[in-house]
PDB file of N, CA and C in Angstrom:
ATOM      1  N   MET A   1      49.618 -20.959  39.083  1.00  0.00           N
ATOM      2  CA  MET A   1      49.019 -21.971  38.069  1.00  0.00           C
ATOM      3  C   MET A   1      47.487 -21.766  38.451  1.00  0.00           C
ATOM      4  N   ILE A   2      47.166 -21.591  39.453  1.00  0.00           N
ATOM      5  CA  ILE A   2      45.998 -21.141  39.799  1.00  0.00           C
ATOM      6  C   ILE A   2      45.094 -20.205  39.288  1.00  0.00           C
ATOM      7  N   LEU A   3      46.228 -18.782  39.254  1.00  0.00           N
ATOM      8  CA  LEU A   3      45.821 -17.780  38.804  1.00  0.00           C
ATOM      9  C   LEU A   3      45.179 -18.396  37.186  1.00  0.00           C
ATOM     10  N   ARG A   4      46.060 -18.396  36.551  1.00  0.00           N
ATOM     11  CA  ARG A   4      46.166 -19.167  35.337  1.00  0.00           C
ATOM     12  C   ARG A   4      44.742 -20.136  34.783  1.00  0.00           C
ATOM     13  N   ASN A   5      44.514 -20.665  35.753  1.00  0.00           N
ATOM     14  CA  ASN A   5      43.223 -21.720  35.449  1.00  0.00           C
ATOM     15  C   ASN A   5      42.338 -21.138  35.700  1.00  0.00           C
ATOM     16  N   TYR A   6      42.410 -20.170  36.851  1.00  0.00           N
ATOM     17  CA  TYR A   6      41.087 -19.098  37.422  1.00  0.00           C
ATOM     18  C   TYR A   6      40.551 -18.113  35.812  1.00  0.00           C
ATOM     19  N   ARG A   7      41.805 -17.850  35.122  1.00  0.00           N
ATOM     20  CA  ARG A   7      41.763 -17.179  33.967  1.00  0.00           C
ATOM     21  C   ARG A   7      40.742 -17.645  32.941  1.00  0.00           C
ATOM     22  N   VAL A   8      41.422 -19.062  32.613  1.00  0.00           N
ATOM     23  CA  VAL A   8      40.638 -19.565  31.653  1.00  0.00           C
ATOM     24  C   VAL A   8      39.307 -20.000  31.998  1.00  0.00           C
ATOM     25  N   SER A   9      39.145 -20.257  33.045  1.00  0.00           N
ATOM     26  CA  SER A   9      37.681 -20.735  33.647  1.00  0.00           C
ATOM     27  C   SER A   9      36.903 -19.818  33.799  1.00  0.00           C
ATOM     28  N   PHE A  10      37.084 -18.427  33.855  1.00  0.00           N
ATOM     29  CA  PHE A  10      36.489 -17.091  33.501  1.00  0.00           C
ATOM     30  C   PHE A  10      36.069 -17.146  32.317  1.00  0.00           C
ATOM     31  N   ALA A  11      37.378 -16.960  31.578  1.00  0.00           N
ATOM     32  CA  ALA A  11      37.422 -16.684  30.005  1.00  0.00           C
ATOM     33  C   ALA A  11      36.075 -17.628  29.168  1.00  0.00           C
ATOM     34  N   LEU A  12      36.330 -19.008  29.639  1.00  0.00           N
ATOM     35  CA  LEU A  12      35.333 -20.111  29.073  1.00  0.00           C
ATOM     36  C   LEU A  12      33.762 -19.468  29.693  1.00  0.00           C
ATOM     37  N   GLY A  13      33.632 -19.453  30.693  1.00  0.00           N
ATOM     38  CA  GLY A  13      32.674 -18.488  31.493  1.00  0.00           C
ATOM     39  C   GLY A  13      31.886 -17.569  30.681  1.00  0.00           C
ATOM     40  N   VAL A  14      32.423 -16.626  30.312  1.00  0.00           N
ATOM     41  CA  VAL A  14      32.163 -15.433  29.484  1.00  0.00           C
ATOM     42  C   VAL A  14      31.663 -15.912  28.207  1.00  0.00           C
ATOM     43  N   VAL A  15      32.640 -16.674  27.498  1.00  0.00           N
ATOM     44  CA  VAL A  15      32.467 -17.057  26.238  1.00  0.00           C
ATOM     45  C   VAL A  15      31.211 -18.088  26.104  1.00  0.00           C
ATOM     46  N   THR A  16      31.047 -18.652  27.208  1.00  0.00           N
ATOM     47  CA  THR A  16      29.578 -19.540  27.446  1.00  0.00           C
ATOM     48  C   THR A  16      28.519 -18.723  27.719  1.00  0.00           C
ATOM     49  N   ALA A  17      28.207 -17.380  28.442  1.00  0.00           N
ATOM     50  CA  ALA A  17      27.437 -16.836  28.602  1.00  0.00           C
ATOM     51  C   ALA A  17      27.310 -15.944  27.603  1.00  0.00           C
ATOM     52  N   LEU A  18      28.049 -15.605  27.283  1.00  0.00           N
ATOM     53  CA  LEU A  18      27.774 -14.375  25.441  1.00  0.00           C
ATOM     54  C   LEU A  18      27.050 -15.700  24.809  1.00  0.00           C
ATOM     55  N   GLY A  19      27.258 -17.092  24.189  1.00  0.00           N
ATOM     56  CA  GLY A  19      27.054 -17.869  23.405  1.00  0.00           C
ATOM     57  C   GLY A  19      25.236 -17.957  23.737  1.00  0.00           C
ATOM     58  N   CYS A  20      24.961 -18.157  25.080  1.00  0.00           N
ATOM     59  CA  CYS A  20      23.993 -18.613  25.223  1.00  0.00           C
ATOM     60  C   CYS A  20      23.038 -17.419  25.514  1.00  0.00           C
ATOM     61  N   THR A  21      23.317 -15.831  25.439  1.00  0.00           N
ATOM     62  CA  THR A  21      22.623 -14.890  25.271  1.00  0.00           C
ATOM     63  C   THR A  21      22.373 -14.587  24.019  1.00  0.00           C
ATOM     64  N   ALA A  22      23.675 -15.007  23.200  1.00  0.00           N
ATOM     65  CA  ALA A  22      22.957 -14.778  21.533  1.00  0.00           C
ATOM     66  C   ALA A  22      21.945 -15.845  21.378  1.00  0.00           C
ATOM     67  N   ALA A  23      22.290 -17.224  21.457  1.00  0.00           N
ATOM     68  CA  ALA A  23      21.224 -18.007  21.086  1.00  0.00           C
ATOM     69  C   ALA A  23      19.279 -17.745  21.409  1.00  0.00           C
ATOM     70  N   LEU A  24      19.393 -16.628  23.027  1.00  0.00           N
ATOM     71  CA  LEU A  24      18.381 -16.308  23.548  1.00  0.00           C
ATOM     72  C   LEU A  24      17.835 -15.225  22.493  1.00  0.00           C
ATOM     73  N   ILE A  25      18.667 -14.240  22.245  1.00  0.00           N
ATOM     74  CA  ILE A  25      18.461 -13.311  21.201  1.00  0.00           C
ATOM     75  C   ILE A  25      17.811 -13.697  20.018  1.00  0.00           C
ATOM     76  N   ALA A  26      18.405 -14.798  19.553  1.00  0.00           N
ATOM     77  CA  ALA A  26      18.194 -15.583  18.025  1.00  0.00           C
ATOM     78  C   ALA A  26      16.681 -15.790  18.488  1.00  0.00           C
ATOM     79  N   THR A  27      16.335 -16.678  19.600  1.00  0.00           N
ATOM     80  CA  THR A  27      15.216 -17.529  19.756  1.00  0.00           C
ATOM     81  C   THR A  27      14.297 -16.332  19.860  1.00  0.00           C
ATOM     82  N   SER A  28      14.053 -15.168  20.764  1.00  0.00           N
ATOM     83  CA  SER A  28      13.134 -14.074  20.637  1.00  0.00           C
ATOM     84  C   SER A  28      13.166 -13.594  19.608  1.00  0.00           C
ATOM     85  N   ALA A  29      13.966 -13.500  18.701  1.00  0.00           N
ATOM     86  CA  ALA A  29      13.647 -12.752  17.277  1.00  0.00           C
ATOM     87  C   ALA A  29      12.748 -13.365  16.404  1.00  0.00           C
ATOM     88  N   ARG A  30      13.269 -14.653  16.441  1.00  0.00           N
ATOM     89  CA  ARG A  30      11.883 -15.722  15.649  1.00  0.00           C
ATOM     90  C   ARG A  30      10.865 -15.658  16.119  1.00  0.00           C
ATOM     91  N   ALA A  31      10.608 -15.579  17.658  1.00  0.00           N
ATOM     92  CA  ALA A  31       9.064 -16.034  18.538  1.00  0.00           C
ATOM     93  C   ALA A  31       8.249 -14.574  17.970  1.00  0.00           C
ATOM     94  N   VAL A  32       8.906 -13.454  17.557  1.00  0.00           N
ATOM     95  CA  VAL A  32       8.020 -12.497  16.899  1.00  0.00           C
ATOM     96  C   VAL A  32       7.539 -12.704  15.469  1.00  0.00           C
ATOM     97  N   ASP A  33       8.262 -13.474  14.954  1.00  0.00           N
ATOM     98  CA  ASP A  33       7.703 -13.371  13.324  1.00  0.00           C
ATOM     99  C   ASP A  33       6.424 -14.214  13.364  1.00  0.00           C
ATOM    100  N   VAL A  34       6.046 -15.209  14.131  1.00  0.00           N
ATOM    101  CA  VAL A  34       4.416 -16.242  14.526  1.00  0.00           C
ATOM    102  C   VAL A  34       3.830 -15.523  15.791  1.00  0.00           C
ATOM    103  N   THR A  35       2.730 -14.863  15.052  1.00  0.00           N
ATOM    104  CA  THR A  35       1.603 -14.060  15.975  1.00  0.00           C
ATOM    105  C   THR A  35       0.228 -14.929  15.849  1.00  0.00           C
ATOM    106  N   ASN A  36      -0.315 -14.986  16.924  1.00  0.00           N
ATOM    107  CA  ASN A  36      -1.679 -15.999  16.835  1.00  0.00           C
ATOM    108  C   ASN A  36      -2.690 -14.748  17.351  1.00  0.00           C
ATOM    109  N   ILE A  37      -4.160 -14.628  16.778  1.00  0.00           N
ATOM    110  CA  ILE A  37      -5.147 -13.920  16.979  1.00  0.00           C
ATOM    111  C   ILE A  37      -6.302 -15.117  17.103  1.00  0.00           C
ATOM    112  N   VAL A  38      -6.622 -15.109  18.408  1.00  0.00           N
ATOM    113  CA  VAL A  38      -7.655 -16.046  19.133  1.00  0.00           C
ATOM    114  C   VAL A  38      -9.256 -15.696  18.784  1.00  0.00           C
ATOM    115  N   ILE A  39      -9.748 -16.603  17.928  1.00  0.00           N
ATOM    116  CA  ILE A  39     -11.413 -16.447  17.620  1.00  0.00           C
ATOM    117  C   ILE A  39     -11.994 -16.713  18.969  1.00  0.00           C
ATOM    118  N   LYS A  40     -12.530 -15.820  19.610  1.00  0.00           N
ATOM    119  CA  LYS A  40     -13.200 -16.291  20.938  1.00  0.00           C
ATOM    120  C   LYS A  40     -14.497 -15.304  20.910  1.00  0.00           C
ATOM    121  N   ASP A  41     -15.943 -16.162  21.401  1.00  0.00           N
ATOM    122  CA  ASP A  41     -16.782 -15.183  21.517  1.00  0.00           C
ATOM    123  C   ASP A  41     -17.294 -14.098  20.779  1.00  0.00           C
ATOM    124  N   PHE A  42     -17.198 -14.685  19.359  1.00  0.00           N
ATOM    125  CA  PHE A  42     -17.447 -13.922  18.235  1.00  0.00           C
ATOM    126  C   PHE A  42     -16.470 -12.730  17.856  1.00  0.00           C
ATOM    127  N   LYS A  43     -15.454 -12.888  18.448  1.00  0.00           N
ATOM    128  CA  LYS A  43     -14.416 -11.624  18.363  1.00  0.00           C
ATOM    129  C   LYS A  43     -13.077 -12.065  17.856  1.00  0.00           C
ATOM    130  N   PHE A  44     -12.297 -11.203  17.074  1.00  0.00           N
ATOM    131  CA  PHE A  44     -11.093 -11.420  17.069  1.00  0.00           C
ATOM    132  C   PHE A  44      -9.990 -10.795  18.269  1.00  0.00           C
ATOM    133  N   SER A  45      -9.383 -11.760  18.780  1.00  0.00           N
ATOM    134  CA  SER A  45      -8.537 -11.115  20.144  1.00  0.00           C
ATOM    135  C   SER A  45      -7.138 -11.250  19.860  1.00  0.00           C
ATOM    136  N   PRO A  46      -5.900 -10.251  19.652  1.00  0.00           N
ATOM    137  CA  PRO A  46      -6.537  -9.021  19.497  1.00  0.00           C
ATOM    138  C   PRO A  46      -7.176  -8.404  18.470  1.00  0.00           C
ATOM    139  N   GLU A  47      -8.015  -7.258  18.674  1.00  0.00           N
ATOM    140  CA  GLU A  47      -8.989  -7.156  17.340  1.00  0.00           C
ATOM    141  C   GLU A  47      -7.811  -6.121  16.415  1.00  0.00           C
ATOM    142  N   SER A  48      -6.519  -5.310  16.756  1.00  0.00           N
ATOM    143  CA  SER A  48      -5.551  -4.455  16.606  1.00  0.00           C
ATOM    144  C   SER A  48      -4.352  -5.137  16.879  1.00  0.00           C
ATOM    145  N   LEU A  49      -3.139  -5.284  15.578  1.00  0.00           N
ATOM    146  CA  LEU A  49      -2.147  -6.360  16.076  1.00  0.00           C
ATOM    147  C   LEU A  49      -1.179  -5.481  14.869  1.00  0.00           C
ATOM    148  N   THR A  50      -0.054  -5.182  15.419  1.00  0.00           N
ATOM    149  CA  THR A  50       1.445  -4.643  14.564  1.00  0.00           C
ATOM    150  C   THR A  50       2.174  -5.633  14.709  1.00  0.00           C
ATOM    151  N   VAL A  51       2.884  -6.021  13.330  1.00  0.00           N
ATOM    152  CA  VAL A  51       3.815  -6.614  13.012  1.00  0.00           C
ATOM    153  C   VAL A  51       4.748  -6.697  12.151  1.00  0.00           C
ATOM    154  N   LYS A  52       6.040  -6.944  12.065  1.00  0.00           N
ATOM    155  CA  LYS A  52       6.538  -6.701  10.986  1.00  0.00           C
ATOM    156  C   LYS A  52       6.653  -7.571   9.795  1.00  0.00           C
ATOM    157  N   ALA A  53       7.139  -6.666   8.568  1.00  0.00           N
ATOM    158  CA  ALA A  53       6.898  -7.829   7.641  1.00  0.00           C
ATOM    159  C   ALA A  53       7.650  -8.674   7.700  1.00  0.00           C
ATOM    160  N   GLY A  54       7.174 -10.044   6.635  1.00  0.00           N
ATOM    161  CA  GLY A  54       7.721 -11.616   6.846  1.00  0.00           C
ATOM    162  C   GLY A  54       6.975 -12.002   8.249  1.00  0.00           C
ATOM    163  N   SER A  55       6.384 -11.320   9.097  1.00  0.00           N
ATOM    164  CA  SER A  55       5.477 -12.409   9.792  1.00  0.00           C
ATOM    165  C   SER A  55       4.334 -12.974   9.407  1.00  0.00           C
ATOM    166  N   THR A  56       4.130 -14.404   9.982  1.00  0.00           N
ATOM    167  CA  THR A  56       2.812 -15.135  10.156  1.00  0.00           C
ATOM    168  C   THR A  56       2.225 -14.738  11.291  1.00  0.00           C
ATOM    169  N   VAL A  57       0.767 -14.632  10.762  1.00  0.00           N
ATOM    170  CA  VAL A  57      -0.078 -14.305  11.707  1.00  0.00           C
ATOM    171  C   VAL A  57      -1.089 -15.597  11.662  1.00  0.00           C
ATOM    172  N   THR A  58      -1.484 -16.389  12.496  1.00  0.00           N
ATOM    173  CA  THR A  58      -2.512 -17.231  12.776  1.00  0.00           C
ATOM    174  C   THR A  58      -3.562 -16.959  13.521  1.00  0.00           C
ATOM    175  N   TRP A  59      -4.540 -17.213  13.052  1.00  0.00           N
ATOM    176  CA  TRP A  59      -6.149 -17.215  13.676  1.00  0.00           C
ATOM    177  C   TRP A  59      -6.342 -18.511  14.093  1.00  0.00           C
ATOM    178  N   VAL A  60      -6.560 -18.772  15.488  1.00  0.00           N
ATOM    179  CA  VAL A  60      -7.343 -19.866  15.987  1.00  0.00           C
ATOM    180  C   VAL A  60      -8.557 -19.847  16.609  1.00  0.00           C
ATOM    181  N   ASN A  61      -9.468 -20.714  15.950  1.00  0.00           N
ATOM    182  CA  ASN A  61     -11.023 -20.599  16.053  1.00  0.00           C
ATOM    183  C   ASN A  61     -10.840 -21.483  17.754  1.00  0.00           C
ATOM    184  N   THR A  62     -11.628 -20.380  18.549  1.00  0.00           N
ATOM    185  CA  THR A  62     -11.963 -21.670  20.103  1.00  0.00           C
ATOM    186  C   THR A  62     -13.470 -21.490  20.200  1.00  0.00           C
ATOM    187  N   ASP A  63     -14.196 -20.727  19.228  1.00  0.00           N
ATOM    188  CA  ASP A  63     -15.809 -20.720  19.132  1.00  0.00           C
ATOM    189  C   ASP A  63     -16.153 -22.336  19.038  1.00  0.00           C
ATOM    190  N   ASP A  64     -17.529 -22.279  19.124  1.00  0.00           N
ATOM    191  CA  ASP A  64     -17.986 -23.414  19.014  1.00  0.00           C
ATOM    192  C   ASP A  64     -18.774 -23.426  17.460  1.00  0.00           C
ATOM    193  N   GLU A  65     -18.656 -22.617  16.558  1.00  0.00           N
ATOM    194  CA  GLU A  65     -19.120 -22.260  15.372  1.00  0.00           C
ATOM    195  C   GLU A  65     -18.008 -21.858  14.361  1.00  0.00           C
ATOM    196  N   PRO A  66     -17.817 -22.019  13.383  1.00  0.00           N
ATOM    197  CA  PRO A  66     -17.267 -21.715  12.333  1.00  0.00           C
ATOM    198  C   PRO A  66     -17.128 -20.399  11.967  1.00  0.00           C
ATOM    199  N   HIS A  67     -15.562 -20.295  11.104  1.00  0.00           N
ATOM    200  CA  HIS A  67     -15.464 -18.733  10.919  1.00  0.00           C
ATOM    201  C   HIS A  67     -14.463 -18.741   9.783  1.00  0.00           C
ATOM    202  N   ASN A  68     -14.184 -17.546   9.181  1.00  0.00           N
ATOM    203  CA  ASN A  68     -13.514 -17.427   8.425  1.00  0.00           C
ATOM    204  C   ASN A  68     -12.271 -16.023   8.394  1.00  0.00           C
ATOM    205  N   VAL A  69     -11.694 -15.869   7.806  1.00  0.00           N
ATOM    206  CA  VAL A  69     -10.802 -14.569   7.712  1.00  0.00           C
ATOM    207  C   VAL A  69     -10.580 -14.098   6.257  1.00  0.00           C
ATOM    208  N   VAL A  70     -10.917 -13.125   5.940  1.00  0.00           N
ATOM    209  CA  VAL A  70     -10.949 -12.457   4.990  1.00  0.00           C
ATOM    210  C   VAL A  70     -10.533 -10.638   4.527  1.00  0.00           C
ATOM    211  N   SER A  71      -9.431 -10.960   3.807  1.00  0.00           N
ATOM    212  CA  SER A  71      -8.933  -9.642   3.800  1.00  0.00           C
ATOM    213  C   SER A  71      -9.603  -8.693   2.889  1.00  0.00           C
ATOM    214  N   ASP A  72     -10.247  -7.501   3.316  1.00  0.00           N
ATOM    215  CA  ASP A  72     -11.235  -6.590   2.429  1.00  0.00           C
ATOM    216  C   ASP A  72     -10.082  -6.231   0.893  1.00  0.00           C
ATOM    217  N   ALA A  73      -8.664  -6.325   1.008  1.00  0.00           N
ATOM    218  CA  ALA A  73      -8.220  -6.183  -0.160  1.00  0.00           C
ATOM    219  C   ALA A  73      -7.931  -7.172  -1.226  1.00  0.00           C
ATOM    220  N   GLY A  74      -8.702  -8.322  -0.784  1.00  0.00           N
ATOM    221  CA  GLY A  74      -8.623  -9.591  -1.563  1.00  0.00           C
ATOM    222  C   GLY A  74      -7.209 -10.490  -1.757  1.00  0.00           C
ATOM    223  N   LEU A  75      -6.516  -9.806  -0.515  1.00  0.00           N
ATOM    224  CA  LEU A  75      -5.025 -10.487  -0.754  1.00  0.00           C
ATOM    225  C   LEU A  75      -4.986 -12.115  -0.178  1.00  0.00           C
ATOM    226  N   PHE A  76      -6.104 -12.251   0.562  1.00  0.00           N
ATOM    227  CA  PHE A  76      -6.398 -13.662   1.194  1.00  0.00           C
ATOM    228  C   PHE A  76      -7.835 -13.922   1.534  1.00  0.00           C
ATOM    229  N   ARG A  77      -8.480 -15.504   1.698  1.00  0.00           N
ATOM    230  CA  ARG A  77      -9.611 -15.711   2.084  1.00  0.00           C
ATOM    231  C   ARG A  77      -9.233 -16.590   2.538  1.00  0.00           C
ATOM    232  N   SER A  78      -9.788 -17.269   3.773  1.00  0.00           N
ATOM    233  CA  SER A  78      -9.556 -18.553   4.335  1.00  0.00           C
ATOM    234  C   SER A  78     -11.368 -19.537   3.793  1.00  0.00           C
ATOM    235  N   GLY A  79     -11.178 -20.361   3.892  1.00  0.00           N
ATOM    236  CA  GLY A  79     -12.350 -21.536   4.012  1.00  0.00           C
ATOM    237  C   GLY A  79     -12.691 -20.985   5.534  1.00  0.00           C
ATOM    238  N   GLY A  80     -14.313 -21.700   5.606  1.00  0.00           N
ATOM    239  CA  GLY A  80     -14.550 -21.968   6.866  1.00  0.00           C
ATOM    240  C   GLY A  80     -13.538 -22.669   7.998  1.00  0.00           C
ATOM    241  N   PHE A  81     -13.256 -22.294   9.101  1.00  0.00           N
ATOM    242  CA  PHE A  81     -12.834 -23.505  10.151  1.00  0.00           C
ATOM    243  C   PHE A  81     -13.463 -23.289  11.144  1.00  0.00           C
ATOM    244  N   ASP A  82     -13.376 -24.762  11.789  1.00  0.00           N
ATOM    245  CA  ASP A  82     -14.327 -24.706  12.665  1.00  0.00           C
ATOM    246  C   ASP A  82     -13.519 -24.820  14.183  1.00  0.00           C
ATOM    247  N   THR A  83     -13.834 -25.145  15.092  1.00  0.00           N
ATOM    248  CA  THR A  83     -13.322 -25.084  16.777  1.00  0.00           C
ATOM    249  C   THR A  83     -12.014 -26.072  16.856  1.00  0.00           C
ATOM    250  N   ASN A  84     -11.334 -25.279  17.124  1.00  0.00           N
ATOM    251  CA  ASN A  84      -9.436 -25.813  17.441  1.00  0.00           C
ATOM    252  C   ASN A  84      -8.711 -26.195  15.839  1.00  0.00           C
ATOM    253  N   GLU A  85      -9.442 -25.546  14.683  1.00  0.00           N
ATOM    254  CA  GLU A  85      -9.028 -25.318  13.205  1.00  0.00           C
ATOM    255  C   GLU A  85      -8.142 -23.825  13.509  1.00  0.00           C
ATOM    256  N   THR A  86      -7.142 -23.924  12.402  1.00  0.00           N
ATOM    257  CA  THR A  86      -6.143 -22.349  12.560  1.00  0.00           C
ATOM    258  C   THR A  86      -6.480 -22.427  11.011  1.00  0.00           C
ATOM    259  N   PHE A  87      -6.140 -21.165  10.916  1.00  0.00           N
ATOM    260  CA  PHE A  87      -5.799 -20.341   9.333  1.00  0.00           C
ATOM    261  C   PHE A  87      -4.568 -19.224   9.588  1.00  0.00           C
ATOM    262  N   ALA A  88      -3.483 -19.623   8.892  1.00  0.00           N
ATOM    263  CA  ALA A  88      -2.228 -18.582   8.737  1.00  0.00           C
ATOM    264  C   ALA A  88      -1.974 -17.925   7.708  1.00  0.00           C
ATOM    265  N   HIS A  89      -1.308 -16.988   7.663  1.00  0.00           N
ATOM    266  CA  HIS A  89      -1.044 -15.893   6.275  1.00  0.00           C
ATOM    267  C   HIS A  89       0.420 -15.441   6.660  1.00  0.00           C
ATOM    268  N   LYS A  90       1.052 -15.451   5.629  1.00  0.00           N
ATOM    269  CA  LYS A  90       2.429 -14.728   6.099  1.00  0.00           C
ATOM    270  C   LYS A  90       2.062 -13.128   5.192  1.00  0.00           C
ATOM    271  N   PHE A  91       2.576 -12.324   6.202  1.00  0.00           N
ATOM    272  CA  PHE A  91       2.458 -10.496   5.654  1.00  0.00           C
ATOM    273  C   PHE A  91       3.709 -10.259   4.969  1.00  0.00           C
ATOM    274  N   ASP A  92       3.933 -10.136   4.065  1.00  0.00           N
ATOM    275  CA  ASP A  92       5.090 -10.089   3.506  1.00  0.00           C
ATOM    276  C   ASP A  92       5.555  -8.446   3.215  1.00  0.00           C
ATOM    277  N   LYS A  93       4.629  -7.661   3.104  1.00  0.00           N
ATOM    278  CA  LYS A  93       4.437  -6.215   2.452  1.00  0.00           C
ATOM    279  C   LYS A  93       3.777  -5.400   3.354  1.00  0.00           C
ATOM    280  N   PRO A  94       4.722  -4.696   3.839  1.00  0.00           N
ATOM    281  CA  PRO A  94       4.332  -3.299   4.865  1.00  0.00           C
ATOM    282  C   PRO A  94       2.596  -2.707   4.117  1.00  0.00           C
ATOM    283  N   GLY A  95       1.681  -2.517   5.496  1.00  0.00           N
ATOM    284  CA  GLY A  95       0.814  -2.055   4.900  1.00  0.00           C
ATOM    285  C   GLY A  95      -0.252  -1.986   6.469  1.00  0.00           C
ATOM    286  N   THR A  96      -1.322  -1.365   6.096  1.00  0.00           N
ATOM    287  CA  THR A  96      -2.514  -1.603   6.986  1.00  0.00           C
ATOM    288  C   THR A  96      -3.722  -2.616   6.271  1.00  0.00           C
ATOM    289  N   TYR A  97      -3.763  -3.751   6.756  1.00  0.00           N
ATOM    290  CA  TYR A  97      -4.823  -4.696   6.551  1.00  0.00           C
ATOM    291  C   TYR A  97      -6.161  -4.725   7.323  1.00  0.00           C
ATOM    292  N   HIS A  98      -7.089  -4.599   6.577  1.00  0.00           N
ATOM    293  CA  HIS A  98      -8.178  -5.258   7.541  1.00  0.00           C
ATOM    294  C   HIS A  98      -9.274  -6.084   7.418  1.00  0.00           C
ATOM    295  N   ILE A  99      -9.223  -6.797   8.196  1.00  0.00           N
ATOM    296  CA  ILE A  99     -10.032  -8.229   8.110  1.00  0.00           C
ATOM    297  C   ILE A  99     -11.127  -8.761   8.529  1.00  0.00           C
ATOM    298  N   THR A 100     -12.187  -9.318   8.063  1.00  0.00           N
ATOM    299  CA  THR A 100     -13.282  -9.629   8.597  1.00  0.00           C
ATOM    300  C   THR A 100     -13.762 -10.986   8.383  1.00  0.00           C
ATOM    301  N   CYS A 101     -14.859 -11.802   9.292  1.00  0.00           N
ATOM    302  CA  CYS A 101     -15.191 -12.919   9.197  1.00  0.00           C
ATOM    303  C   CYS A 101     -16.473 -12.858   8.386  1.00  0.00           C
ATOM    304  N   SER A 102     -16.636 -12.959   7.145  1.00  0.00           N
ATOM    305  CA  SER A 102     -17.585 -13.010   6.214  1.00  0.00           C
ATOM    306  C   SER A 102     -18.883 -13.585   6.525  1.00  0.00           C
ATOM    307  N   ILE A 103     -18.705 -14.725   7.614  1.00  0.00           N
ATOM    308  CA  ILE A 103     -20.055 -15.386   7.890  1.00  0.00           C
ATOM    309  C   ILE A 103     -20.306 -14.577   9.220  1.00  0.00           C
ATOM    310  N   HIS A 104     -19.466 -13.610   9.797  1.00  0.00           N
ATOM    311  CA  HIS A 104     -19.958 -12.760  10.957  1.00  0.00           C
ATOM    312  C   HIS A 104     -19.312 -11.538  10.620  1.00  0.00           C
ATOM    313  N   PRO A 105     -20.214 -10.915   9.693  1.00  0.00           N
ATOM    314  CA  PRO A 105     -19.416  -9.377   9.510  1.00  0.00           C
ATOM    315  C   PRO A 105     -18.935  -8.657  10.760  1.00  0.00           C
ATOM    316  N   ARG A 106     -19.725  -8.905  11.703  1.00  0.00           N
ATOM    317  CA  ARG A 106     -19.350  -7.671  13.051  1.00  0.00           C
ATOM    318  C   ARG A 106     -18.232  -8.070  13.347  1.00  0.00           C
ATOM    319  N   MET A 107     -17.338  -8.969  12.872  1.00  0.00           N
ATOM    320  CA  MET A 107     -16.114  -9.625  13.271  1.00  0.00           C
ATOM    321  C   MET A 107     -15.300  -8.894  12.825  1.00  0.00           C
ATOM    322  N   THR A 108     -14.204  -7.960  13.142  1.00  0.00           N
ATOM    323  CA  THR A 108     -13.286  -7.122  12.420  1.00  0.00           C
ATOM    324  C   THR A 108     -12.247  -6.881  12.997  1.00  0.00           C
ATOM    325  N   ALA A 109     -11.140  -6.502  12.663  1.00  0.00           N
ATOM    326  CA  ALA A 109      -9.674  -6.502  13.293  1.00  0.00           C
ATOM    327  C   ALA A 109      -8.781  -5.965  12.290  1.00  0.00           C
ATOM    328  N   THR A 110      -8.216  -5.336  12.399  1.00  0.00           N
ATOM    329  CA  THR A 110      -6.678  -4.694  11.633  1.00  0.00           C
ATOM    330  C   THR A 110      -5.113  -5.072  12.049  1.00  0.00           C
ATOM    331  N   ILE A 111      -4.579  -5.256  10.819  1.00  0.00           N
ATOM    332  CA  ILE A 111      -3.077  -5.951  11.426  1.00  0.00           C
ATOM    333  C   ILE A 111      -2.470  -4.644  10.348  1.00  0.00           C
ATOM    334  N   VAL A 112      -1.198  -3.896  11.184  1.00  0.00           N
ATOM    335  CA  VAL A 112      -0.518  -3.101  10.635  1.00  0.00           C
ATOM    336  C   VAL A 112       0.836  -3.925  10.714  1.00  0.00           C
ATOM    337  N   VAL A 113       1.262  -3.972   9.261  1.00  0.00           N
ATOM    338  CA  VAL A 113       2.797  -4.676   9.227  1.00  0.00           C
ATOM    339  C   VAL A 113       3.769  -3.318   8.727  1.00  0.00           C
ATOM    340  N   GLU A 114       4.726  -3.575   9.395  1.00  0.00           N
ATOM    341  CA  GLU A 114       5.757  -2.523   9.264  1.00  0.00           C
ATOM    342  C   GLU A 114       6.576  -3.151   8.657  1.00  0.00           C
TER     343      GLU A 114
END
């Protein structure tokens, strides 16, 4: 009887561990879909980013000056956003996207969507 209870407990432990692992993997997969680019000291950081198609990239302005985010291909153009404000764009199609702040044109970044 004790051996049988041990087997049941062990089997439930394995099922629980597998369920937790699956939940962790699913959570990790979702986390990759949202990526932040920080604007600080008149720079995009990181300046180069690779994401999967369907990912959302969010720019967070931590400077004391307004910035915007413009795709050179005309895919999107944010309005100016101030300190602690954000702009987000979902990249659905693979490709290489060059980004600039049209207010401060020396600020550039590249996003590669796979």
